[in-house]
Amino acid sequence: MAVLSTVAPLTAAAAVPSLEHVIVVVMENKAYAQASAPPYTASLMASGSSFSSFYAYTHPSQPNYLMLWSGSTQGVTNDACPAAGSPYASDNLGQACEAAGKTWRTYAEDLPSPGSAVCTNNGTLYLRRHCPWTYFSNLDHNNERLYTDLATDIANSTLPNLAFVIPNNHDNTHDSGYDVYFGDAWLAANVPAMIDAVGPYGVVILTWDEDDGHAGNRVLTVFKGPLVKSGYQSTALTYHWNMVRTICDALGIARPGLAASALPIEDIWLAGLVGVSPGPGGGVSLSAPSPNPSTGAVASRLSLSQPVTVDAGIYDLDGRAVRRLASGRHSGGLDLRWDGRHEDGRRAGAGVYMLIVRAGDRILRRKAVLFR
């Protein structure tokens, strides 16, 4: 993927789409060029949205983790454990989730037990400084879980609204001898299940706490999910606190620290997603397109239990409208048929397209593949 050098200001737009699940995976101490080189991470960039000018806040690690969790370094400038001035009672993502009735959990490799306050474990594979939630007094520490609990929560369909994943100091490439390709193998083995688990109204965010100390603290950050543009690279100047603001807006929770005044990240989302509410129920369903793949026409059926305003169309993976299929107020069954052409009659090229339906306050999405 070409790296764009132009830096555009992050400007305000309408909003961030509402999401049910956000998972944040934090890796360690690599510059953008290093982190983006391995194959699985490169594939996430090619199928998700990344940033050419995303920067961490400072060095060393601990202040950056606190910024990721609370929009503030809490005055911390080093990696000392426990962090100076802790425990903190200031605003943070966990406290904001609890206040809004949202669920949260963190999953850390080599954490000795849920809610543990130890500074290290298993040598230094676990470091408390990578788990900033442990320093706050205004949240439920029972939500601080072992990494193995993530698979259990996914299997039981109890994935929280917000999750932070902290690999150990080998898997996050922190320790000497464990390079970006070692970390990339861990990501390849673990992230696909997270992407599947967040579902149609979710996103997985992969980010680095800081660079290697030689690249101006420019780090790689990638958003991956069904509502995110594919193969898109934002040129906006972006920081971790913009990411925190975006998470808060997506989940509908209060914005802590610098996130309260930061602009959200808005250019990475597919078009037409703002103002809709995710979630099951509501008497709305959309069948899978058929045939799929197709060499031409594709059909899907929208079922509505009550009259609602419908807007349905085909979009490419960059969020551009290809063909409108239905609009207006409908109820009962509605057949949505696409003949494989643009509005002007041109045949659409081979590739993956999205059938996106807005029905009342619901949004439904299905993939359709064209072969030519």
Protein backbone atom coordinates (compact mmCIF):
# COMPACT_ATOMS: atom_id res chain seq x y z
CA MET A 1 0.00 0.00 0.00
CA ALA A 2 1.34 3.41 -0.95
CA VAL A 3 2.01 5.71 1.96
CA LEU A 4 0.60 9.18 1.40
CA SER A 5 2.73 12.04 2.66
CA THR A 6 0.11 14.80 2.69
CA VAL A 7 -1.13 15.59 6.20
CA ALA A 8 -4.68 16.89 6.30
CA PRO A 9 -6.26 18.47 9.39
CA LEU A 10 -8.79 16.35 11.23
CA THR A 11 -12.06 18.19 10.58
CA ALA A 12 -15.48 17.75 12.13
CA ALA A 13 -18.20 15.91 10.23
CA ALA A 14 -21.59 14.53 11.17
CA ALA A 15 -20.84 11.68 13.57
CA VAL A 16 -19.39 8.23 14.14
CA PRO A 17 -21.73 5.25 13.57
CA SER A 18 -23.16 3.55 16.64
CA LEU A 19 -21.39 0.29 17.45
CA GLU A 20 -22.15 -2.68 19.68
CA HIS A 21 -18.57 -3.91 20.17
CA VAL A 22 -15.12 -2.34 20.12
CA ILE A 23 -11.95 -4.36 20.73
CA VAL A 24 -8.63 -2.53 21.09
CA VAL A 25 -5.39 -4.53 20.73
CA VAL A 26 -2.24 -2.74 21.89
CA MET A 27 1.23 -3.68 20.64
CA GLU A 28 4.60 -2.28 21.73
CA ASN A 29 7.45 0.01 20.75
CA LYS A 30 7.56 -0.11 16.95
CA ALA A 31 7.71 2.62 14.35
CA TYR A 32 5.14 2.76 11.57
CA ALA A 33 7.47 1.29 8.93
CA GLN A 34 8.39 -1.62 11.19
CA ALA A 35 4.86 -2.44 12.29
CA SER A 36 3.32 -2.27 8.81
CA ALA A 37 5.82 -4.62 7.14
CA PRO A 38 4.73 -8.14 8.27
CA PRO A 39 2.16 -9.97 6.14
CA TYR A 40 -0.86 -10.30 8.42
CA THR A 41 -0.70 -6.70 9.59
CA ALA A 42 -0.32 -5.61 5.97
CA SER A 43 -3.44 -7.63 5.11
CA LEU A 44 -5.39 -5.80 7.83
CA MET A 45 -4.31 -2.49 6.32
CA ALA A 46 -5.37 -3.69 2.86
CA SER A 47 -8.83 -4.75 4.07
CA GLY A 48 -9.41 -2.08 6.71
CA SER A 49 -8.61 1.58 7.35
CA SER A 50 -5.24 2.86 8.52
CA PHE A 51 -3.56 6.22 9.07
CA SER A 52 -0.49 7.75 7.46
CA SER A 53 -0.05 10.33 10.24
CA PHE A 54 -1.10 8.75 13.55
CA TYR A 55 1.04 9.66 16.58
CA ALA A 56 1.45 8.45 20.14
CA TYR A 57 1.76 11.05 22.90
CA THR A 58 5.14 10.61 24.56
CA HIS A 59 7.76 8.17 25.86
CA PRO A 60 7.95 5.82 27.74
CA SER A 61 5.04 3.37 27.65
CA GLN A 62 3.02 4.02 30.79
CA PRO A 63 1.83 7.57 30.00
CA ASN A 64 0.62 6.39 26.60
CA TYR A 65 -1.42 3.56 28.09
CA LEU A 66 -2.99 5.98 30.56
CA MET A 67 -3.81 8.28 27.64
CA LEU A 68 -5.46 5.38 25.80
CA TRP A 69 -7.64 4.60 28.81
CA SER A 70 -8.41 8.02 30.26
CA GLY A 71 -7.50 10.66 27.70
CA SER A 72 -4.79 11.83 30.11
CA THR A 73 -1.36 10.79 31.32
CA GLN A 74 -2.53 11.58 34.89
CA GLY A 75 0.75 13.48 35.24
CA VAL A 76 2.80 10.29 34.86
CA THR A 77 6.13 10.62 33.04
CA ASN A 78 7.79 7.25 33.68
CA ASP A 79 7.16 3.51 33.95
CA ALA A 80 7.32 3.28 37.75
CA CYS A 81 4.89 0.86 39.39
CA PRO A 82 2.63 1.75 41.02
CA ALA A 83 2.11 4.87 38.92
CA ALA A 84 2.68 8.14 40.76
CA GLY A 85 -0.50 9.56 42.29
CA SER A 86 -2.53 6.38 41.84
CA PRO A 87 -5.18 5.23 42.49
CA TYR A 88 -6.96 7.79 40.33
CA ALA A 89 -10.61 8.79 40.59
CA SER A 90 -10.64 10.70 37.28
CA ASP A 91 -12.78 9.86 34.26
CA ASN A 92 -11.84 6.83 32.17
CA LEU A 93 -13.37 4.42 29.67
CA GLY A 94 -14.32 1.76 32.21
CA GLN A 95 -16.06 4.23 34.51
CA ALA A 96 -17.79 5.81 31.49
CA CYS A 97 -19.08 2.42 30.34
CA GLU A 98 -20.46 1.59 33.78
CA ALA A 99 -22.17 4.98 34.04
CA ALA A 100 -23.84 4.48 30.65
CA GLY A 101 -24.93 0.89 31.32
CA LYS A 102 -22.37 -0.53 28.89
CA THR A 103 -20.16 -3.53 29.56
CA TRP A 104 -16.36 -3.57 29.46
CA ARG A 105 -13.57 -6.04 30.06
CA THR A 106 -9.83 -6.20 29.58
CA TYR A 107 -7.95 -9.35 28.66
CA ALA A 108 -4.23 -9.50 29.51
CA GLU A 109 -1.86 -12.37 28.85
CA ASP A 110 -0.03 -13.62 31.95
CA LEU A 111 -2.22 -11.64 34.36
CA PRO A 112 -2.06 -13.90 37.43
CA SER A 113 -5.71 -13.51 38.46
CA PRO A 114 -8.70 -11.24 37.74
CA GLY A 115 -8.21 -7.78 39.21
CA SER A 116 -4.64 -8.46 40.30
CA ALA A 117 -2.56 -5.42 41.28
CA VAL A 118 0.88 -7.06 40.95
CA CYS A 119 3.46 -5.05 39.04
CA THR A 120 4.95 -8.07 37.23
CA ASN A 121 4.17 -11.73 36.70
CA ASN A 122 5.85 -14.70 35.01
CA GLY A 123 9.12 -12.85 34.97
CA THR A 124 8.21 -9.67 33.12
CA LEU A 125 5.83 -11.19 30.59
CA TYR A 126 3.06 -9.31 32.38
CA LEU A 127 3.63 -5.66 33.29
CA ARG A 128 1.05 -3.65 35.18
CA ARG A 129 2.13 -0.49 33.37
CA HIS A 130 0.52 -1.92 30.23
CA CYS A 131 -2.79 -2.25 32.09
CA PRO A 132 -3.78 1.29 33.12
CA TRP A 133 -7.28 0.34 34.40
CA THR A 134 -5.58 -1.23 37.41
CA TYR A 135 -4.67 2.28 38.62
CA PHE A 136 -8.24 3.62 38.87
CA SER A 137 -10.50 3.47 41.93
CA ASN A 138 -13.84 4.22 40.24
CA LEU A 139 -14.41 1.05 38.22
CA ASP A 140 -15.09 -2.64 38.75
CA HIS A 141 -11.74 -4.44 38.83
CA ASN A 142 -13.47 -7.79 38.35
CA ASN A 143 -13.62 -6.81 34.67
CA GLU A 144 -9.84 -7.16 34.44
CA ARG A 145 -9.57 -10.70 33.10
CA LEU A 146 -7.05 -13.29 31.99
CA TYR A 147 -6.59 -13.43 28.23
CA THR A 148 -8.02 -16.95 28.10
CA ASP A 149 -11.37 -15.51 29.23
CA LEU A 150 -11.74 -13.75 25.88
CA ALA A 151 -12.29 -17.05 24.04
CA THR A 152 -14.80 -18.08 26.69
CA ASP A 153 -16.71 -14.82 26.39
CA ILE A 154 -16.77 -15.11 22.60
CA ALA A 155 -18.02 -18.72 22.79
CA ASN A 156 -20.74 -17.72 25.28
CA SER A 157 -21.79 -14.65 23.27
CA THR A 158 -20.92 -12.45 26.24
CA LEU A 159 -18.35 -10.24 24.56
CA PRO A 160 -18.52 -6.81 26.27
CA ASN A 161 -19.24 -3.57 24.48
CA LEU A 162 -15.65 -2.46 25.03
CA ALA A 163 -12.62 -4.73 25.35
CA PHE A 164 -8.90 -4.03 25.57
CA VAL A 165 -6.50 -6.87 24.71
CA ILE A 166 -2.94 -6.74 26.08
CA PRO A 167 -0.57 -9.42 24.72
CA ASN A 168 2.38 -10.40 26.87
CA ASN A 169 5.84 -8.92 26.36
CA HIS A 170 6.84 -11.56 23.85
CA ASP A 171 3.67 -11.45 21.77
CA ASN A 172 3.50 -7.65 21.74
CA THR A 173 7.17 -7.53 20.52
CA HIS A 174 8.33 -5.57 23.58
CA ASP A 175 11.14 -7.94 24.58
CA SER A 176 14.43 -8.29 22.77
CA GLY A 177 14.44 -11.21 20.33
CA TYR A 178 10.70 -11.03 19.67
CA ASP A 179 10.44 -8.98 16.49
CA VAL A 180 7.51 -7.68 14.47
CA TYR A 181 7.17 -10.98 12.61
CA PHE A 182 6.80 -12.86 15.89
CA GLY A 183 4.10 -10.40 16.94
CA ASP A 184 2.48 -10.61 13.52
CA ALA A 185 2.16 -14.38 13.89
CA TRP A 186 0.38 -13.84 17.21
CA LEU A 187 -1.97 -11.34 15.59
CA ALA A 188 -2.67 -13.74 12.72
CA ALA A 189 -3.55 -16.49 15.19
CA ASN A 190 -5.75 -14.33 17.44
CA VAL A 191 -7.26 -11.31 15.69
CA PRO A 192 -9.47 -13.14 13.13
CA ALA A 193 -11.62 -14.53 15.97
CA MET A 194 -11.97 -11.02 17.38
CA ILE A 195 -13.05 -9.65 14.00
CA ASP A 196 -15.70 -12.35 13.72
CA ALA A 197 -16.82 -11.79 17.30
CA VAL A 198 -17.54 -8.05 17.02
CA GLY A 199 -20.19 -8.82 14.39
CA PRO A 200 -21.84 -6.49 11.88
CA TYR A 201 -21.84 -3.52 14.28
CA GLY A 202 -18.34 -3.78 15.65
CA VAL A 203 -14.72 -2.87 15.05
CA VAL A 204 -11.30 -4.18 16.03
CA ILE A 205 -8.64 -1.48 16.51
CA LEU A 206 -4.98 -2.45 16.34
CA THR A 207 -2.58 0.19 17.64
CA TRP A 208 0.90 0.64 19.07
CA ASP A 209 1.63 2.41 22.36
CA GLU A 210 4.69 4.27 21.00
CA ASP A 211 7.35 4.00 18.32
CA ASP A 212 10.92 2.73 18.73
CA GLY A 213 12.17 6.15 19.80
CA HIS A 214 13.54 7.08 16.37
CA ALA A 215 10.54 8.02 14.19
CA GLY A 216 8.87 11.01 15.84
CA ASN A 217 6.43 8.69 17.68
CA ARG A 218 4.50 7.94 14.49
CA VAL A 219 2.74 4.62 15.01
CA LEU A 220 0.53 2.29 13.04
CA THR A 221 -3.17 2.15 13.85
CA VAL A 222 -5.68 0.06 11.89
CA PHE A 223 -9.48 -0.13 12.16
CA LYS A 224 -11.05 -3.35 10.87
CA GLY A 225 -14.77 -4.16 10.73
CA PRO A 226 -17.81 -4.36 8.45
CA LEU A 227 -18.58 -0.62 8.76
CA VAL A 228 -15.01 0.48 7.97
CA LYS A 229 -13.75 1.37 4.50
CA SER A 230 -11.56 -1.30 2.91
CA GLY A 231 -8.02 -0.44 1.86
CA TYR A 232 -8.41 3.18 2.96
CA GLN A 233 -5.62 5.28 4.41
CA SER A 234 -6.54 8.48 6.22
CA THR A 235 -4.11 11.37 5.84
CA ALA A 236 -5.55 13.30 8.79
CA LEU A 237 -3.21 14.16 11.64
CA THR A 238 -4.50 11.84 14.35
CA TYR A 239 -3.57 10.99 17.94
CA HIS A 240 -4.57 8.41 20.52
CA TRP A 241 -7.02 10.84 22.12
CA ASN A 242 -8.87 11.14 18.80
CA MET A 243 -9.22 7.37 18.91
CA VAL A 244 -10.55 7.53 22.49
CA ARG A 245 -13.11 10.15 21.40
CA THR A 246 -14.16 7.90 18.50
CA ILE A 247 -14.66 4.90 20.80
CA CYS A 248 -16.79 7.00 23.14
CA ASP A 249 -18.96 8.33 20.32
CA ALA A 250 -19.39 4.85 18.83
CA LEU A 251 -20.51 3.38 22.16
CA GLY A 252 -22.45 6.42 23.40
CA ILE A 253 -20.39 6.98 26.54
CA ALA A 254 -18.84 10.06 28.17
CA ARG A 255 -15.51 11.28 26.79
CA PRO A 256 -12.69 11.37 29.36
CA GLY A 257 -9.77 13.79 29.46
CA LEU A 258 -8.55 15.17 26.14
CA ALA A 259 -11.18 13.09 24.33
CA ALA A 260 -13.81 15.57 25.54
CA SER A 261 -12.44 18.26 23.20
CA ALA A 262 -10.81 16.06 20.54
CA LEU A 263 -12.37 15.53 17.14
CA PRO A 264 -13.59 12.01 16.34
CA ILE A 265 -12.24 9.96 13.46
CA GLU A 266 -14.95 10.10 10.79
CA ASP A 267 -13.41 9.65 7.34
CA ILE A 268 -12.82 5.89 7.69
CA TRP A 269 -16.48 4.83 7.87
CA LEU A 270 -18.60 3.63 4.96
CA ALA A 271 -21.11 6.17 3.66
CA GLY A 272 -24.67 6.29 4.95
CA LEU A 273 -24.05 4.87 8.43
CA VAL A 274 -24.63 7.91 10.62
CA GLY A 275 -27.80 8.19 12.68
CA VAL A 276 -28.72 4.49 12.75
CA SER A 277 -28.87 2.30 15.82
CA PRO A 278 -27.36 -1.20 15.87
CA GLY A 279 -28.88 -4.16 17.59
CA PRO A 280 -31.05 -7.22 17.05
CA GLY A 281 -34.81 -7.30 17.07
CA GLY A 282 -37.23 -4.70 15.82
CA GLY A 283 -38.93 -7.05 13.38
CA VAL A 284 -36.45 -6.36 10.57
CA SER A 285 -34.45 -8.99 8.70
CA LEU A 286 -32.52 -9.18 5.44
CA SER A 287 -31.82 -12.44 3.66
CA ALA A 288 -28.44 -13.29 2.19
CA PRO A 289 -28.08 -12.22 -1.46
CA SER A 290 -28.65 -14.99 -3.98
CA PRO A 291 -26.92 -16.22 -6.03
CA ASN A 292 -23.73 -15.26 -4.29
CA PRO A 293 -21.25 -15.15 -5.96
CA SER A 294 -23.07 -14.05 -9.09
CA THR A 295 -22.17 -13.25 -12.68
CA GLY A 296 -25.00 -10.73 -12.92
CA ALA A 297 -28.29 -10.30 -11.06
CA VAL A 298 -28.50 -10.60 -7.25
CA ALA A 299 -31.65 -10.69 -5.10
CA SER A 300 -32.34 -10.35 -1.37
CA ARG A 301 -35.56 -10.12 0.62
CA LEU A 302 -36.20 -7.51 3.31
CA SER A 303 -38.83 -8.47 5.88
CA LEU A 304 -40.54 -5.76 7.95
CA SER A 305 -42.99 -6.37 10.78
CA GLN A 306 -44.37 -2.83 10.62
CA PRO A 307 -44.26 0.16 8.26
CA VAL A 308 -40.91 1.94 8.29
CA THR A 309 -38.96 4.24 5.99
CA VAL A 310 -36.55 2.22 3.88
CA ASP A 311 -33.48 3.26 1.92
CA ALA A 312 -31.61 0.40 0.24
CA GLY A 313 -28.68 0.43 -2.14
CA ILE A 314 -25.52 -1.18 -3.40
CA TYR A 315 -22.19 0.35 -2.37
CA ASP A 316 -18.58 -0.42 -3.21
CA LEU A 317 -16.06 -1.09 -0.44
CA ASP A 318 -14.99 2.56 -0.42
CA GLY A 319 -18.53 3.56 0.52
CA ARG A 320 -19.49 4.96 -2.89
CA ALA A 321 -23.09 4.47 -3.99
CA VAL A 322 -23.43 2.15 -6.99
CA ARG A 323 -27.18 1.64 -7.35
CA ARG A 324 -30.26 2.60 -5.34
CA LEU A 325 -32.64 -0.34 -4.96
CA ALA A 326 -35.53 1.00 -2.86
CA SER A 327 -36.71 4.06 -0.97
CA GLY A 328 -39.85 5.24 0.78
CA ARG A 329 -42.14 3.71 3.38
CA HIS A 330 -42.66 -0.05 3.26
CA SER A 331 -43.98 -2.95 5.33
CA GLY A 332 -44.17 -6.72 4.96
CA GLY A 333 -41.84 -8.31 2.41
CA LEU A 334 -39.77 -6.27 -0.04
CA ASP A 335 -37.68 -7.90 -2.78
CA LEU A 336 -34.42 -6.08 -3.46
CA ARG A 337 -32.96 -6.92 -6.86
CA TRP A 338 -29.72 -5.68 -8.37
CA ASP A 339 -28.93 -6.33 -12.00
CA GLY A 340 -25.20 -5.84 -11.54
CA ARG A 341 -25.18 -2.37 -13.08
CA HIS A 342 -24.59 1.22 -12.03
CA GLU A 343 -27.32 3.85 -12.03
CA ASP A 344 -26.24 4.92 -15.53
CA GLY A 345 -26.50 1.39 -16.90
CA ARG A 346 -22.80 0.54 -16.91
CA ARG A 347 -21.91 -2.98 -15.79
CA ALA A 348 -20.27 -3.04 -12.39
CA GLY A 349 -16.84 -4.59 -12.32
CA ALA A 350 -15.97 -7.85 -10.64
CA GLY A 351 -15.48 -7.58 -6.90
CA VAL A 352 -17.15 -7.36 -3.49
CA TYR A 353 -20.10 -5.02 -2.98
CA MET A 354 -22.25 -4.18 0.02
CA LEU A 355 -26.04 -4.24 0.12
CA ILE A 356 -26.85 -1.67 2.81
CA VAL A 357 -30.43 -1.21 4.01
CA ARG A 358 -31.63 1.46 6.40
CA ALA A 359 -35.02 0.48 7.77
CA GLY A 360 -36.31 2.89 10.39
CA ASP A 361 -33.57 3.12 13.00
CA ARG A 362 -31.91 -0.13 11.90
CA ILE A 363 -29.09 -0.73 9.46
CA LEU A 364 -28.52 -4.10 7.82
CA ARG A 365 -25.62 -5.13 5.60
CA ARG A 366 -24.89 -8.04 3.31
CA LYS A 367 -21.93 -8.76 1.03
CA ALA A 368 -22.47 -9.57 -2.63
CA VAL A 369 -19.68 -10.86 -4.88
CA LEU A 370 -19.70 -10.38 -8.65
CA PHE A 371 -17.68 -12.54 -11.03
CA ARG A 372 -17.20 -11.36 -14.62
